[in-house]
Amino acid sequence: MSEKNEKTDRFDRLSVFKTYKLYVGGKFPRSESGRVYEVSDAKGNWLANAPLSSRKDARDAVVAARKAFGGWSGATAYNRGQILYRVAEMLEGRREQFVREVADAEGLSKSKAAAAVDATIDRWVWYAGWTDKIAQVVGGGNPVAGPFFNLSTPEPTGVVTVLAPQESSFLGLVSVVAPVIATGNTAIVIASEKAPLPALSLGEVLATSDLPGGVVNVLSGRTAEIAAPLAAHQDVNAIDLAGADDVLAKELEIAAADNLKRVLRPQAVDYSVTPGIDRMTAFLETKTVWHPTGSLGASGSSY
């Protein structure tokens, strides 16, 4: 119950604590296990309880990502770019919330957290602009000796598990997630174990944008516990080990070899620097098609 404050002649109110949930298949379930764990700020002060994902949650996320893959990979690159830009618009509208969450998660001043959030929004816009250009950079016509068109085009790998960076809770997160979906893949994101709140809030932004449910699925909890079944899952096509230490990365890479997953090994990355296209091309396959042109002569093709 609220109590009347005689000095200000008003009623004080109780704070409404936020209940963070997973983001799977466009919905916000609690962990199937019913477990949570405490999340603290950089000074050790309690911030919230986050869902502690189970193996069942991981399997549910794979099902959702696979279901969404056909529609998302089949969308035009231009349409994917529009949707990613819409996500940036939604992030801009919730900028202050993310500034607060990033400051708490990473122990930054408000000004430094604001700079990180602004860079994150710009990073979404940057990848939105690449969706309909990457094919021109990594694909094209190949010269061959014969009356054929020989064309190489990039296609998405499929369902990608992404271990978000542990230290860069928002800019690093977006820097590894955006390139995966920009190229038509669907993603299962394992949020930073110690700083998952920006990732879970990102799920709320994605749900209110035009991104189809299941394209991005966000899980929180113990990184090693969630990543192990996903690395071994037969319906996961690739895994980005950005948030794994050397020991865990080796274990997951061995598990991923069972169905020949593509693996992007962990590496030192300065997420504040404008990225190249490596993270996009890491999860693209190249399809090459031969097509007869008919006889070619001095006057040109008879095709």
Foldseek 3Di string as FASTA:
>chain_A
DWDADVVVRHTDDDDDADDFAWAAQLDGDAAPVNDWDFAFFPVRHTRYTYGAHAQVNLVRLLVLQQVCQVVQQPDALLVLLVLLLQLLVLLVVVLVVQLVLQCRHQVDDSVVSSVLSVLQSVLSNVLSVCLNPVQVVPWAWDDDPAQKTKTKGKGFQEEEEEEFAQNRQGLSRSVQLSLNSSRRYAYEYEGRANRRVVVSVSSVSSSPTPNGGSSYIYDYHDRLRSLQCVLQDLSHAAYEPQHDDPVSQVNSVVSNPVNDHQYHGHDDDDSSDRDDNVSNVSRIDMDMDIDGQDDADPVGTPD
